[in-house]
Amino acid sequence: MGDSKITIGFINQARDEVYMLVRGNIQIKKVLQSYCDEKHLEYGTVDFYLEGNRVPRRGTVAQAGLKENDMIDVVAPVFGGGPSNPSC
């Protein structure tokens, strides 16, 4: 893959989609940070998944195994919570 370009997509929990044209030899961390910058998110406050597996934050796009038209799920972690039944 190396210098060839591929299109990858990001989809968040609100089903908003963002697409990027990236080179296979770019650091994956730069791509993820670029998404966060575009969506005004703090890098590290969201998780990225491809087909249910966490996207590595080290290495290149090619090393992460990303292919043309892959969609990365962007998930904001949920902390805390209360009873699942409000009448409790």
C-alpha atoms as a PDB file:
ATOM      1  CA  MET A   1       0.000   0.000   0.000  1.00  0.00           C
ATOM      2  CA  GLY A   2       2.806   2.447   0.920  1.00  0.00           C
ATOM      3  CA  ASP A   3       2.309   5.718  -0.939  1.00  0.00           C
ATOM      4  CA  SER A   4      -1.036   4.815  -2.510  1.00  0.00           C
ATOM      5  CA  LYS A   5      -4.068   6.667  -1.220  1.00  0.00           C
ATOM      6  CA  ILE A   6      -7.223   5.137   0.182  1.00  0.00           C
ATOM      7  CA  THR A   7     -10.483   6.600   1.418  1.00  0.00           C
ATOM      8  CA  ILE A   8     -11.486   5.705   4.957  1.00  0.00           C
ATOM      9  CA  GLY A   9     -14.546   6.798   6.851  1.00  0.00           C
ATOM     10  CA  PHE A  10     -15.390   7.594  10.441  1.00  0.00           C
ATOM     11  CA  ILE A  11     -18.871   7.227  11.876  1.00  0.00           C
ATOM     12  CA  ASN A  12     -19.832   8.398  15.358  1.00  0.00           C
ATOM     13  CA  GLN A  13     -22.684   7.426  17.652  1.00  0.00           C
ATOM     14  CA  ALA A  14     -24.911  10.135  16.158  1.00  0.00           C
ATOM     15  CA  ARG A  15     -24.323   8.438  12.760  1.00  0.00           C
ATOM     16  CA  ASP A  16     -22.395  11.462  11.418  1.00  0.00           C
ATOM     17  CA  GLU A  17     -19.906  10.366   8.770  1.00  0.00           C
ATOM     18  CA  VAL A  18     -16.542  11.903   7.862  1.00  0.00           C
ATOM     19  CA  TYR A  19     -14.349  10.641   5.026  1.00  0.00           C
ATOM     20  CA  MET A  20     -10.615  11.128   4.554  1.00  0.00           C
ATOM     21  CA  LEU A  21      -8.222  10.382   1.751  1.00  0.00           C
ATOM     22  CA  VAL A  22      -5.025   9.088   3.367  1.00  0.00           C
ATOM     23  CA  ARG A  23      -1.743   7.515   2.344  1.00  0.00           C
ATOM     24  CA  GLY A  24      -0.863   4.063   3.611  1.00  0.00           C
ATOM     25  CA  ASN A  25       2.473   5.248   4.999  1.00  0.00           C
ATOM     26  CA  ILE A  26       1.039   8.006   7.233  1.00  0.00           C
ATOM     27  CA  GLN A  27       1.028   7.413  10.967  1.00  0.00           C
ATOM     28  CA  ILE A  28      -2.410   6.225  12.090  1.00  0.00           C
ATOM     29  CA  LYS A  29      -2.196   8.517  15.114  1.00  0.00           C
ATOM     30  CA  LYS A  30      -2.073  11.553  12.798  1.00  0.00           C
ATOM     31  CA  VAL A  31      -5.233  10.382  11.016  1.00  0.00           C
ATOM     32  CA  LEU A  32      -7.088   9.839  14.293  1.00  0.00           C
ATOM     33  CA  GLN A  33      -5.923  13.210  15.619  1.00  0.00           C
ATOM     34  CA  SER A  34      -7.042  14.868  12.390  1.00  0.00           C
ATOM     35  CA  TYR A  35     -10.527  13.411  12.864  1.00  0.00           C
ATOM     36  CA  CYS A  36     -10.614  14.696  16.446  1.00  0.00           C
ATOM     37  CA  ASP A  37      -9.478  18.157  15.327  1.00  0.00           C
ATOM     38  CA  GLU A  38     -12.181  18.291  12.655  1.00  0.00           C
ATOM     39  CA  LYS A  39     -14.896  17.267  15.139  1.00  0.00           C
ATOM     40  CA  HIS A  40     -13.506  19.442  17.974  1.00  0.00           C
ATOM     41  CA  LEU A  41     -12.807  16.439  20.195  1.00  0.00           C
ATOM     42  CA  GLU A  42      -9.906  15.933  22.548  1.00  0.00           C
ATOM     43  CA  TYR A  43      -7.707  13.112  21.277  1.00  0.00           C
ATOM     44  CA  GLY A  44      -7.767  10.342  23.847  1.00  0.00           C
ATOM     45  CA  THR A  45     -11.357  10.964  24.928  1.00  0.00           C
ATOM     46  CA  VAL A  46     -12.797   8.740  22.197  1.00  0.00           C
ATOM     47  CA  ASP A  47     -12.105   5.186  21.085  1.00  0.00           C
ATOM     48  CA  PHE A  48     -11.792   4.003  17.501  1.00  0.00           C
ATOM     49  CA  TYR A  49     -12.961   0.553  16.337  1.00  0.00           C
ATOM     50  CA  LEU A  50     -12.770  -1.289  13.041  1.00  0.00           C
ATOM     51  CA  GLU A  51     -15.091  -4.274  12.762  1.00  0.00           C
ATOM     52  CA  GLY A  52     -15.323  -4.497  16.551  1.00  0.00           C
ATOM     53  CA  ASN A  53     -11.569  -4.352  17.157  1.00  0.00           C
ATOM     54  CA  ARG A  54      -9.822  -1.337  18.619  1.00  0.00           C
ATOM     55  CA  VAL A  55      -7.759   0.553  16.038  1.00  0.00           C
ATOM     56  CA  PRO A  56      -4.097   0.656  17.116  1.00  0.00           C
ATOM     57  CA  ARG A  57      -2.731   4.129  17.757  1.00  0.00           C
ATOM     58  CA  ARG A  58       0.790   3.174  16.706  1.00  0.00           C
ATOM     59  CA  GLY A  59       2.163   2.374  13.299  1.00  0.00           C
ATOM     60  CA  THR A  60       0.957   3.376   9.870  1.00  0.00           C
ATOM     61  CA  VAL A  61      -2.406   3.150   8.163  1.00  0.00           C
ATOM     62  CA  ALA A  62      -1.111   0.146   6.203  1.00  0.00           C
ATOM     63  CA  GLN A  63       0.198  -1.566   9.351  1.00  0.00           C
ATOM     64  CA  ALA A  64      -3.205  -1.065  10.988  1.00  0.00           C
ATOM     65  CA  GLY A  65      -4.699  -3.052   8.115  1.00  0.00           C
ATOM     66  CA  LEU A  66      -6.987  -0.296   6.870  1.00  0.00           C
ATOM     67  CA  LYS A  67      -8.324  -0.794   3.356  1.00  0.00           C
ATOM     68  CA  GLU A  68     -10.280   1.255   0.843  1.00  0.00           C
ATOM     69  CA  ASN A  69     -13.717   2.297   2.172  1.00  0.00           C
ATOM     70  CA  ASP A  70     -13.177   0.904   5.689  1.00  0.00           C
ATOM     71  CA  MET A  71     -15.453   2.579   8.236  1.00  0.00           C
ATOM     72  CA  ILE A  72     -14.057   3.315  11.686  1.00  0.00           C
ATOM     73  CA  ASP A  73     -16.555   3.523  14.534  1.00  0.00           C
ATOM     74  CA  VAL A  74     -15.926   6.443  16.892  1.00  0.00           C
ATOM     75  CA  VAL A  75     -17.165   5.772  20.402  1.00  0.00           C
ATOM     76  CA  ALA A  76     -17.180   8.114  23.373  1.00  0.00           C
ATOM     77  CA  PRO A  77     -16.825   6.137  26.585  1.00  0.00           C
ATOM     78  CA  VAL A  78     -19.728   6.281  29.036  1.00  0.00           C
ATOM     79  CA  PHE A  79     -18.904   6.653  32.710  1.00  0.00           C
ATOM     80  CA  GLY A  80     -21.108   6.303  35.744  1.00  0.00           C
ATOM     81  CA  GLY A  81     -24.747   5.568  35.411  1.00  0.00           C
ATOM     82  CA  GLY A  82     -27.617   4.763  37.595  1.00  0.00           C
ATOM     83  CA  PRO A  83     -30.187   2.088  37.984  1.00  0.00           C
ATOM     84  CA  SER A  84     -31.537   0.693  34.746  1.00  0.00           C
ATOM     85  CA  ASN A  85     -35.032   0.826  36.220  1.00  0.00           C
ATOM     86  CA  PRO A  86     -35.923   4.391  37.262  1.00  0.00           C
ATOM     87  CA  SER A  87     -38.469   3.104  39.788  1.00  0.00           C
ATOM     88  CA  CYS A  88     -35.671   1.581  41.927  1.00  0.00           C
END
